[in-house]
Amino acid sequence: MKHLKTLQEEDLGFAEGGQVGVNIELIWEMTQKEETFAEEFAKTMAHELMHVLLADALGNKLRKVPVIVEEAVIRHILGEEWTEEIAAMYLEVS
């Protein structure tokens, strides 16, 4: 039986082992409106699903791709912000 990864308080979501988690409590605290919540939830879910799709498409080759590169590619595909501050955050994790 697989166990779902525990979200960190500051994480909007995660994708790991084909599973996706979205921090609905944090997104609600950030948005406080149904329409805005739904939009942010959908964006987060799409982002995390892209990680799963890349993993399925690339298989073991994805392990050779640094996390910062994977994140930058997904953000580019989805038209999400990519700044030096965001890059630095992923460099800290790597």
PDB file of N, CA and C in Angstrom:
ATOM      1  N   MET A   1       0.840  -1.184   0.000  1.00  0.00           N
ATOM      2  CA  MET A   1       0.000   0.000   0.000  1.00  0.00           C
ATOM      3  C   MET A   1       0.885   1.247   0.000  1.00  0.00           C
ATOM      4  N   LYS A   2       0.614   2.152  -0.938  1.00  0.00           N
ATOM      5  CA  LYS A   2       1.390   3.389  -1.015  1.00  0.00           C
ATOM      6  C   LYS A   2       0.854   4.392  -0.009  1.00  0.00           C
ATOM      7  N   HIS A   3       1.761   5.152   0.560  1.00  0.00           N
ATOM      8  CA  HIS A   3       1.372   6.225   1.463  1.00  0.00           C
ATOM      9  C   HIS A   3       1.634   7.552   0.788  1.00  0.00           C
ATOM     10  N   LEU A   4       0.722   8.460   0.953  1.00  0.00           N
ATOM     11  CA  LEU A   4       0.858   9.776   0.355  1.00  0.00           C
ATOM     12  C   LEU A   4       1.884  10.592   1.129  1.00  0.00           C
ATOM     13  N   LYS A   5       2.716  11.307   0.402  1.00  0.00           N
ATOM     14  CA  LYS A   5       3.702  12.185   1.008  1.00  0.00           C
ATOM     15  C   LYS A   5       2.987  13.261   1.826  1.00  0.00           C
ATOM     16  N   THR A   6       3.581  13.666   2.922  1.00  0.00           N
ATOM     17  CA  THR A   6       3.013  14.734   3.745  1.00  0.00           C
ATOM     18  C   THR A   6       3.451  16.075   3.184  1.00  0.00           C
ATOM     19  N   LEU A   7       2.478  16.961   2.972  1.00  0.00           N
ATOM     20  CA  LEU A   7       2.781  18.310   2.486  1.00  0.00           C
ATOM     21  C   LEU A   7       3.424  19.124   3.591  1.00  0.00           C
ATOM     22  N   GLN A   8       4.401  19.922   3.201  1.00  0.00           N
ATOM     23  CA  GLN A   8       4.955  20.897   4.130  1.00  0.00           C
ATOM     24  C   GLN A   8       3.996  22.081   4.174  1.00  0.00           C
ATOM     25  N   GLU A   9       3.959  22.812   5.256  1.00  0.00           N
ATOM     26  CA  GLU A   9       3.030  23.933   5.405  1.00  0.00           C
ATOM     27  C   GLU A   9       3.116  24.935   4.272  1.00  0.00           C
ATOM     28  N   GLU A  10       4.333  25.200   3.783  1.00  0.00           N
ATOM     29  CA  GLU A  10       4.527  26.236   2.769  1.00  0.00           C
ATOM     30  C   GLU A  10       4.341  25.729   1.338  1.00  0.00           C
ATOM     31  N   ASP A  11       4.205  24.419   1.145  1.00  0.00           N
ATOM     32  CA  ASP A  11       4.058  23.845  -0.193  1.00  0.00           C
ATOM     33  C   ASP A  11       2.639  24.029  -0.722  1.00  0.00           C
ATOM     34  N   LEU A  12       2.527  24.494  -1.961  1.00  0.00           N
ATOM     35  CA  LEU A  12       1.216  24.544  -2.599  1.00  0.00           C
ATOM     36  C   LEU A  12       0.826  23.159  -3.092  1.00  0.00           C
ATOM     37  N   GLY A  13       1.814  22.370  -3.479  1.00  0.00           N
ATOM     38  CA  GLY A  13       1.522  21.025  -3.962  1.00  0.00           C
ATOM     39  C   GLY A  13       2.795  20.240  -4.162  1.00  0.00           C
ATOM     40  N   PHE A  14       2.628  18.979  -4.558  1.00  0.00           N
ATOM     41  CA  PHE A  14       3.773  18.127  -4.866  1.00  0.00           C
ATOM     42  C   PHE A  14       3.325  17.034  -5.821  1.00  0.00           C
ATOM     43  N   ALA A  15       4.284  16.471  -6.504  1.00  0.00           N
ATOM     44  CA  ALA A  15       4.071  15.284  -7.325  1.00  0.00           C
ATOM     45  C   ALA A  15       5.213  14.337  -7.022  1.00  0.00           C
ATOM     46  N   GLU A  16       4.865  13.126  -6.650  1.00  0.00           N
ATOM     47  CA  GLU A  16       5.902  12.145  -6.303  1.00  0.00           C
ATOM     48  C   GLU A  16       5.361  10.745  -6.545  1.00  0.00           C
ATOM     49  N   GLY A  17       6.108   9.961  -7.285  1.00  0.00           N
ATOM     50  CA  GLY A  17       5.708   8.578  -7.530  1.00  0.00           C
ATOM     51  C   GLY A  17       4.352   8.456  -8.202  1.00  0.00           C
ATOM     52  N   GLY A  18       4.027   9.394  -9.071  1.00  0.00           N
ATOM     53  CA  GLY A  18       2.744   9.355  -9.771  1.00  0.00           C
ATOM     54  C   GLY A  18       1.583   9.897  -8.963  1.00  0.00           C
ATOM     55  N   GLN A  19       1.842  10.323  -7.744  1.00  0.00           N
ATOM     56  CA  GLN A  19       0.794  10.895  -6.899  1.00  0.00           C
ATOM     57  C   GLN A  19       0.920  12.408  -6.883  1.00  0.00           C
ATOM     58  N   VAL A  20      -0.218  13.077  -6.796  1.00  0.00           N
ATOM     59  CA  VAL A  20      -0.251  14.533  -6.733  1.00  0.00           C
ATOM     60  C   VAL A  20      -0.973  14.932  -5.459  1.00  0.00           C
ATOM     61  N   GLY A  21      -0.417  15.912  -4.762  1.00  0.00           N
ATOM     62  CA  GLY A  21      -1.070  16.473  -3.587  1.00  0.00           C
ATOM     63  C   GLY A  21      -1.158  17.979  -3.736  1.00  0.00           C
ATOM     64  N   VAL A  22      -2.269  18.548  -3.308  1.00  0.00           N
ATOM     65  CA  VAL A  22      -2.459  19.990  -3.366  1.00  0.00           C
ATOM     66  C   VAL A  22      -2.863  20.466  -1.978  1.00  0.00           C
ATOM     67  N   ASN A  23      -2.214  21.520  -1.511  1.00  0.00           N
ATOM     68  CA  ASN A  23      -2.460  22.065  -0.184  1.00  0.00           C
ATOM     69  C   ASN A  23      -3.655  23.023  -0.249  1.00  0.00           C
ATOM     70  N   ILE A  24      -4.855  22.448  -0.161  1.00  0.00           N
ATOM     71  CA  ILE A  24      -6.066  23.265  -0.314  1.00  0.00           C
ATOM     72  C   ILE A  24      -6.222  24.269   0.822  1.00  0.00           C
ATOM     73  N   GLU A  25      -5.768  23.908   1.998  1.00  0.00           N
ATOM     74  CA  GLU A  25      -5.872  24.833   3.132  1.00  0.00           C
ATOM     75  C   GLU A  25      -5.041  26.094   2.887  1.00  0.00           C
ATOM     76  N   LEU A  26      -3.815  25.918   2.430  1.00  0.00           N
ATOM     77  CA  LEU A  26      -2.950  27.064   2.154  1.00  0.00           C
ATOM     78  C   LEU A  26      -3.501  27.907   1.001  1.00  0.00           C
ATOM     79  N   ILE A  27      -3.963  27.249  -0.045  1.00  0.00           N
ATOM     80  CA  ILE A  27      -4.523  27.996  -1.181  1.00  0.00           C
ATOM     81  C   ILE A  27      -5.747  28.787  -0.737  1.00  0.00           C
ATOM     82  N   TRP A  28      -6.591  28.194   0.103  1.00  0.00           N
ATOM     83  CA  TRP A  28      -7.761  28.926   0.590  1.00  0.00           C
ATOM     84  C   TRP A  28      -7.335  30.132   1.437  1.00  0.00           C
ATOM     85  N   GLU A  29      -6.352  29.935   2.316  1.00  0.00           N
ATOM     86  CA  GLU A  29      -5.858  31.048   3.147  1.00  0.00           C
ATOM     87  C   GLU A  29      -5.305  32.173   2.276  1.00  0.00           C
ATOM     88  N   MET A  30      -4.686  31.826   1.154  1.00  0.00           N
ATOM     89  CA  MET A  30      -4.111  32.822   0.260  1.00  0.00           C
ATOM     90  C   MET A  30      -5.179  33.567  -0.545  1.00  0.00           C
ATOM     91  N   THR A  31      -6.281  32.892  -0.867  1.00  0.00           N
ATOM     92  CA  THR A  31      -7.250  33.457  -1.802  1.00  0.00           C
ATOM     93  C   THR A  31      -8.506  34.015  -1.139  1.00  0.00           C
ATOM     94  N   GLN A  32      -9.108  33.254  -0.262  1.00  0.00           N
ATOM     95  CA  GLN A  32     -10.305  33.651   0.490  1.00  0.00           C
ATOM     96  C   GLN A  32     -11.554  33.892  -0.363  1.00  0.00           C
ATOM     97  N   LYS A  33     -11.517  33.567  -1.648  1.00  0.00           N
ATOM     98  CA  LYS A  33     -12.681  33.705  -2.517  1.00  0.00           C
ATOM     99  C   LYS A  33     -12.792  32.444  -3.365  1.00  0.00           C
ATOM    100  N   GLU A  34     -14.019  31.947  -3.533  1.00  0.00           N
ATOM    101  CA  GLU A  34     -14.208  30.706  -4.281  1.00  0.00           C
ATOM    102  C   GLU A  34     -13.606  30.751  -5.680  1.00  0.00           C
ATOM    103  N   GLU A  35     -13.877  31.814  -6.410  1.00  0.00           N
ATOM    104  CA  GLU A  35     -13.409  31.905  -7.793  1.00  0.00           C
ATOM    105  C   GLU A  35     -11.881  31.926  -7.855  1.00  0.00           C
ATOM    106  N   THR A  36     -11.273  32.710  -6.999  1.00  0.00           N
ATOM    107  CA  THR A  36      -9.810  32.797  -6.971  1.00  0.00           C
ATOM    108  C   THR A  36      -9.217  31.486  -6.495  1.00  0.00           C
ATOM    109  N   PHE A  37      -9.857  30.854  -5.509  1.00  0.00           N
ATOM    110  CA  PHE A  37      -9.406  29.561  -5.008  1.00  0.00           C
ATOM    111  C   PHE A  37      -9.411  28.525  -6.127  1.00  0.00           C
ATOM    112  N   ALA A  38     -10.527  28.461  -6.857  1.00  0.00           N
ATOM    113  CA  ALA A  38     -10.648  27.475  -7.934  1.00  0.00           C
ATOM    114  C   ALA A  38      -9.562  27.679  -8.987  1.00  0.00           C
ATOM    115  N   GLU A  39      -9.283  28.918  -9.306  1.00  0.00           N
ATOM    116  CA  GLU A  39      -8.250  29.235 -10.299  1.00  0.00           C
ATOM    117  C   GLU A  39      -6.872  28.800  -9.806  1.00  0.00           C
ATOM    118  N   GLU A  40      -6.535  29.134  -8.573  1.00  0.00           N
ATOM    119  CA  GLU A  40      -5.222  28.773  -8.020  1.00  0.00           C
ATOM    120  C   GLU A  40      -5.092  27.264  -7.834  1.00  0.00           C
ATOM    121  N   PHE A  41      -6.184  26.612  -7.412  1.00  0.00           N
ATOM    122  CA  PHE A  41      -6.176  25.158  -7.270  1.00  0.00           C
ATOM    123  C   PHE A  41      -5.896  24.509  -8.629  1.00  0.00           C
ATOM    124  N   ALA A  42      -6.584  24.976  -9.669  1.00  0.00           N
ATOM    125  CA  ALA A  42      -6.400  24.415 -11.007  1.00  0.00           C
ATOM    126  C   ALA A  42      -4.977  24.636 -11.510  1.00  0.00           C
ATOM    127  N   LYS A  43      -4.433  25.808 -11.271  1.00  0.00           N
ATOM    128  CA  LYS A  43      -3.056  26.092 -11.694  1.00  0.00           C
ATOM    129  C   LYS A  43      -2.070  25.173 -10.980  1.00  0.00           C
ATOM    130  N   THR A  44      -2.276  25.001  -9.682  1.00  0.00           N
ATOM    131  CA  THR A  44      -1.381  24.142  -8.895  1.00  0.00           C
ATOM    132  C   THR A  44      -1.494  22.700  -9.351  1.00  0.00           C
ATOM    133  N   MET A  45      -2.720  22.228  -9.569  1.00  0.00           N
ATOM    134  CA  MET A  45      -2.927  20.851 -10.021  1.00  0.00           C
ATOM    135  C   MET A  45      -2.290  20.636 -11.392  1.00  0.00           C
ATOM    136  N   ALA A  46      -2.465  21.575 -12.314  1.00  0.00           N
ATOM    137  CA  ALA A  46      -1.861  21.456 -13.650  1.00  0.00           C
ATOM    138  C   ALA A  46      -0.340  21.400 -13.552  1.00  0.00           C
ATOM    139  N   HIS A  47       0.220  22.248 -12.700  1.00  0.00           N
ATOM    140  CA  HIS A  47       1.669  22.282 -12.524  1.00  0.00           C
ATOM    141  C   HIS A  47       2.180  20.926 -12.018  1.00  0.00           C
ATOM    142  N   GLU A  48       1.531  20.422 -11.002  1.00  0.00           N
ATOM    143  CA  GLU A  48       1.977  19.150 -10.421  1.00  0.00           C
ATOM    144  C   GLU A  48       1.756  17.994 -11.387  1.00  0.00           C
ATOM    145  N   LEU A  49       0.668  18.017 -12.152  1.00  0.00           N
ATOM    146  CA  LEU A  49       0.437  16.970 -13.146  1.00  0.00           C
ATOM    147  C   LEU A  49       1.499  16.992 -14.238  1.00  0.00           C
ATOM    148  N   MET A  50       2.023  18.172 -14.549  1.00  0.00           N
ATOM    149  CA  MET A  50       3.110  18.263 -15.525  1.00  0.00           C
ATOM    150  C   MET A  50       4.342  17.496 -15.036  1.00  0.00           C
ATOM    151  N   HIS A  51       4.603  17.537 -13.736  1.00  0.00           N
ATOM    152  CA  HIS A  51       5.720  16.754 -13.188  1.00  0.00           C
ATOM    153  C   HIS A  51       5.479  15.259 -13.436  1.00  0.00           C
ATOM    154  N   VAL A  52       4.248  14.814 -13.211  1.00  0.00           N
ATOM    155  CA  VAL A  52       3.903  13.399 -13.422  1.00  0.00           C
ATOM    156  C   VAL A  52       4.038  13.045 -14.898  1.00  0.00           C
ATOM    157  N   LEU A  53       3.541  13.903 -15.783  1.00  0.00           N
ATOM    158  CA  LEU A  53       3.626  13.638 -17.221  1.00  0.00           C
ATOM    159  C   LEU A  53       5.075  13.581 -17.705  1.00  0.00           C
ATOM    160  N   LEU A  54       5.904  14.492 -17.211  1.00  0.00           N
ATOM    161  CA  LEU A  54       7.325  14.455 -17.571  1.00  0.00           C
ATOM    162  C   LEU A  54       7.978  13.160 -17.093  1.00  0.00           C
ATOM    163  N   ALA A  55       7.652  12.759 -15.885  1.00  0.00           N
ATOM    164  CA  ALA A  55       8.215  11.518 -15.341  1.00  0.00           C
ATOM    165  C   ALA A  55       7.771  10.323 -16.183  1.00  0.00           C
ATOM    166  N   ASP A  56       6.502  10.302 -16.596  1.00  0.00           N
ATOM    167  CA  ASP A  56       6.012   9.209 -17.437  1.00  0.00           C
ATOM    168  C   ASP A  56       6.684   9.222 -18.810  1.00  0.00           C
ATOM    169  N   ALA A  57       6.847  10.408 -19.376  1.00  0.00           N
ATOM    170  CA  ALA A  57       7.420  10.525 -20.716  1.00  0.00           C
ATOM    171  C   ALA A  57       8.911  10.223 -20.738  1.00  0.00           C
ATOM    172  N   LEU A  58       9.630  10.664 -19.736  1.00  0.00           N
ATOM    173  CA  LEU A  58      11.088  10.525 -19.735  1.00  0.00           C
ATOM    174  C   LEU A  58      11.594   9.315 -18.962  1.00  0.00           C
ATOM    175  N   GLY A  59      10.773   8.785 -18.075  1.00  0.00           N
ATOM    176  CA  GLY A  59      11.186   7.614 -17.294  1.00  0.00           C
ATOM    177  C   GLY A  59      12.454   7.877 -16.514  1.00  0.00           C
ATOM    178  N   ASN A  60      13.390   6.939 -16.589  1.00  0.00           N
ATOM    179  CA  ASN A  60      14.644   7.051 -15.838  1.00  0.00           C
ATOM    180  C   ASN A  60      15.508   8.219 -16.292  1.00  0.00           C
ATOM    181  N   LYS A  61      15.296   8.710 -17.513  1.00  0.00           N
ATOM    182  CA  LYS A  61      16.076   9.846 -18.007  1.00  0.00           C
ATOM    183  C   LYS A  61      15.824  11.091 -17.167  1.00  0.00           C
ATOM    184  N   LEU A  62      14.630  11.198 -16.571  1.00  0.00           N
ATOM    185  CA  LEU A  62      14.300  12.375 -15.767  1.00  0.00           C
ATOM    186  C   LEU A  62      15.202  12.476 -14.544  1.00  0.00           C
ATOM    187  N   ARG A  63      15.683  11.345 -14.056  1.00  0.00           N
ATOM    188  CA  ARG A  63      16.582  11.363 -12.888  1.00  0.00           C
ATOM    189  C   ARG A  63      17.868  12.131 -13.174  1.00  0.00           C
ATOM    190  N   LYS A  64      18.251  12.194 -14.441  1.00  0.00           N
ATOM    191  CA  LYS A  64      19.476  12.893 -14.830  1.00  0.00           C
ATOM    192  C   LYS A  64      19.258  14.397 -14.965  1.00  0.00           C
ATOM    193  N   VAL A  65      17.991  14.823 -14.972  1.00  0.00           N
ATOM    194  CA  VAL A  65      17.665  16.242 -15.121  1.00  0.00           C
ATOM    195  C   VAL A  65      17.624  16.885 -13.735  1.00  0.00           C
ATOM    196  N   PRO A  66      18.409  17.929 -13.505  1.00  0.00           N
ATOM    197  CA  PRO A  66      18.357  18.600 -12.204  1.00  0.00           C
ATOM    198  C   PRO A  66      16.953  19.140 -11.916  1.00  0.00           C
ATOM    199  N   VAL A  67      16.551  19.117 -10.662  1.00  0.00           N
ATOM    200  CA  VAL A  67      15.221  19.567 -10.250  1.00  0.00           C
ATOM    201  C   VAL A  67      14.957  20.995 -10.715  1.00  0.00           C
ATOM    202  N   ILE A  68      15.977  21.845 -10.640  1.00  0.00           N
ATOM    203  CA  ILE A  68      15.798  23.247 -11.035  1.00  0.00           C
ATOM    204  C   ILE A  68      15.465  23.358 -12.528  1.00  0.00           C
ATOM    205  N   VAL A  69      16.044  22.489 -13.348  1.00  0.00           N
ATOM    206  CA  VAL A  69      15.771  22.505 -14.788  1.00  0.00           C
ATOM    207  C   VAL A  69      14.355  22.013 -15.055  1.00  0.00           C
ATOM    208  N   GLU A  70      13.961  20.929 -14.400  1.00  0.00           N
ATOM    209  CA  GLU A  70      12.595  20.412 -14.545  1.00  0.00           C
ATOM    210  C   GLU A  70      11.585  21.492 -14.175  1.00  0.00           C
ATOM    211  N   GLU A  71      11.816  22.150 -13.061  1.00  0.00           N
ATOM    212  CA  GLU A  71      10.891  23.192 -12.590  1.00  0.00           C
ATOM    213  C   GLU A  71      10.834  24.365 -13.568  1.00  0.00           C
ATOM    214  N   ALA A  72      11.984  24.786 -14.062  1.00  0.00           N
ATOM    215  CA  ALA A  72      12.029  25.902 -15.011  1.00  0.00           C
ATOM    216  C   ALA A  72      11.281  25.555 -16.295  1.00  0.00           C
ATOM    217  N   VAL A  73      11.437  24.333 -16.779  1.00  0.00           N
ATOM    218  CA  VAL A  73      10.751  23.898 -18.001  1.00  0.00           C
ATOM    219  C   VAL A  73       9.245  23.894 -17.801  1.00  0.00           C
ATOM    220  N   ILE A  74       8.791  23.340 -16.690  1.00  0.00           N
ATOM    221  CA  ILE A  74       7.351  23.287 -16.421  1.00  0.00           C
ATOM    222  C   ILE A  74       6.781  24.687 -16.290  1.00  0.00           C
ATOM    223  N   ARG A  75       7.464  25.545 -15.577  1.00  0.00           N
ATOM    224  CA  ARG A  75       6.981  26.922 -15.427  1.00  0.00           C
ATOM    225  C   ARG A  75       6.940  27.638 -16.775  1.00  0.00           C
ATOM    226  N   HIS A  76       7.907  27.364 -17.638  1.00  0.00           N
ATOM    227  CA  HIS A  76       7.906  27.977 -18.969  1.00  0.00           C
ATOM    228  C   HIS A  76       6.707  27.476 -19.784  1.00  0.00           C
ATOM    229  N   ILE A  77       6.492  26.178 -19.796  1.00  0.00           N
ATOM    230  CA  ILE A  77       5.377  25.591 -20.548  1.00  0.00           C
ATOM    231  C   ILE A  77       4.041  26.179 -20.090  1.00  0.00           C
ATOM    232  N   LEU A  78       3.880  26.361 -18.788  1.00  0.00           N
ATOM    233  CA  LEU A  78       2.611  26.841 -18.234  1.00  0.00           C
ATOM    234  C   LEU A  78       2.530  28.369 -18.152  1.00  0.00           C
ATOM    235  N   GLY A  79       3.588  29.047 -18.569  1.00  0.00           N
ATOM    236  CA  GLY A  79       3.577  30.511 -18.529  1.00  0.00           C
ATOM    237  C   GLY A  79       3.624  31.069 -17.120  1.00  0.00           C
ATOM    238  N   GLU A  80       4.257  30.320 -16.219  1.00  0.00           N
ATOM    239  CA  GLU A  80       4.378  30.756 -14.827  1.00  0.00           C
ATOM    240  C   GLU A  80       5.648  31.579 -14.632  1.00  0.00           C
ATOM    241  N   GLU A  81       5.634  32.340 -13.587  1.00  0.00           N
ATOM    242  CA  GLU A  81       6.768  33.195 -13.252  1.00  0.00           C
ATOM    243  C   GLU A  81       8.010  32.358 -12.938  1.00  0.00           C
ATOM    244  N   TRP A  82       9.166  32.845 -13.384  1.00  0.00           N
ATOM    245  CA  TRP A  82      10.461  32.246 -13.038  1.00  0.00           C
ATOM    246  C   TRP A  82      11.433  33.396 -12.788  1.00  0.00           C
ATOM    247  N   THR A  83      11.799  33.568 -11.544  1.00  0.00           N
ATOM    248  CA  THR A  83      12.667  34.671 -11.169  1.00  0.00           C
ATOM    249  C   THR A  83      13.954  34.124 -10.548  1.00  0.00           C
ATOM    250  N   GLU A  84      14.889  35.013 -10.325  1.00  0.00           N
ATOM    251  CA  GLU A  84      16.135  34.611  -9.659  1.00  0.00           C
ATOM    252  C   GLU A  84      15.854  34.098  -8.252  1.00  0.00           C
ATOM    253  N   GLU A  85      14.864  34.688  -7.580  1.00  0.00           N
ATOM    254  CA  GLU A  85      14.512  34.245  -6.226  1.00  0.00           C
ATOM    255  C   GLU A  85      13.960  32.824  -6.237  1.00  0.00           C
ATOM    256  N   ILE A  86      13.104  32.537  -7.221  1.00  0.00           N
ATOM    257  CA  ILE A  86      12.555  31.177  -7.331  1.00  0.00           C
ATOM    258  C   ILE A  86      13.673  30.196  -7.660  1.00  0.00           C
ATOM    259  N   ALA A  87      14.539  30.570  -8.599  1.00  0.00           N
ATOM    260  CA  ALA A  87      15.670  29.709  -8.963  1.00  0.00           C
ATOM    261  C   ALA A  87      16.552  29.427  -7.741  1.00  0.00           C
ATOM    262  N   ALA A  88      16.820  30.454  -6.950  1.00  0.00           N
ATOM    263  CA  ALA A  88      17.656  30.295  -5.758  1.00  0.00           C
ATOM    264  C   ALA A  88      17.031  29.316  -4.769  1.00  0.00           C
ATOM    265  N   MET A  89      15.703  29.365  -4.650  1.00  0.00           N
ATOM    266  CA  MET A  89      15.009  28.444  -3.746  1.00  0.00           C
ATOM    267  C   MET A  89      15.233  26.997  -4.191  1.00  0.00           C
ATOM    268  N   TYR A  90      15.188  26.749  -5.490  1.00  0.00           N
ATOM    269  CA  TYR A  90      15.404  25.385  -5.995  1.00  0.00           C
ATOM    270  C   TYR A  90      16.868  24.992  -5.925  1.00  0.00           C
ATOM    271  N   LEU A  91      17.777  25.934  -6.012  1.00  0.00           N
ATOM    272  CA  LEU A  91      19.190  25.621  -5.851  1.00  0.00           C
ATOM    273  C   LEU A  91      19.496  25.196  -4.417  1.00  0.00           C
ATOM    274  N   GLU A  92      18.803  25.797  -3.444  1.00  0.00           N
ATOM    275  CA  GLU A  92      18.981  25.442  -2.036  1.00  0.00           C
ATOM    276  C   GLU A  92      18.561  24.000  -1.790  1.00  0.00           C
ATOM    277  N   VAL A  93      17.498  23.573  -2.449  1.00  0.00           N
ATOM    278  CA  VAL A  93      16.951  22.227  -2.254  1.00  0.00           C
ATOM    279  C   VAL A  93      17.825  21.178  -2.917  1.00  0.00           C
ATOM    280  N   SER A  94      18.441  21.531  -4.044  1.00  0.00           N
ATOM    281  CA  SER A  94      19.234  20.558  -4.820  1.00  0.00           C
ATOM    282  C   SER A  94      20.451  20.088  -4.079  1.00  0.00           C
TER     283      SER A  94
END
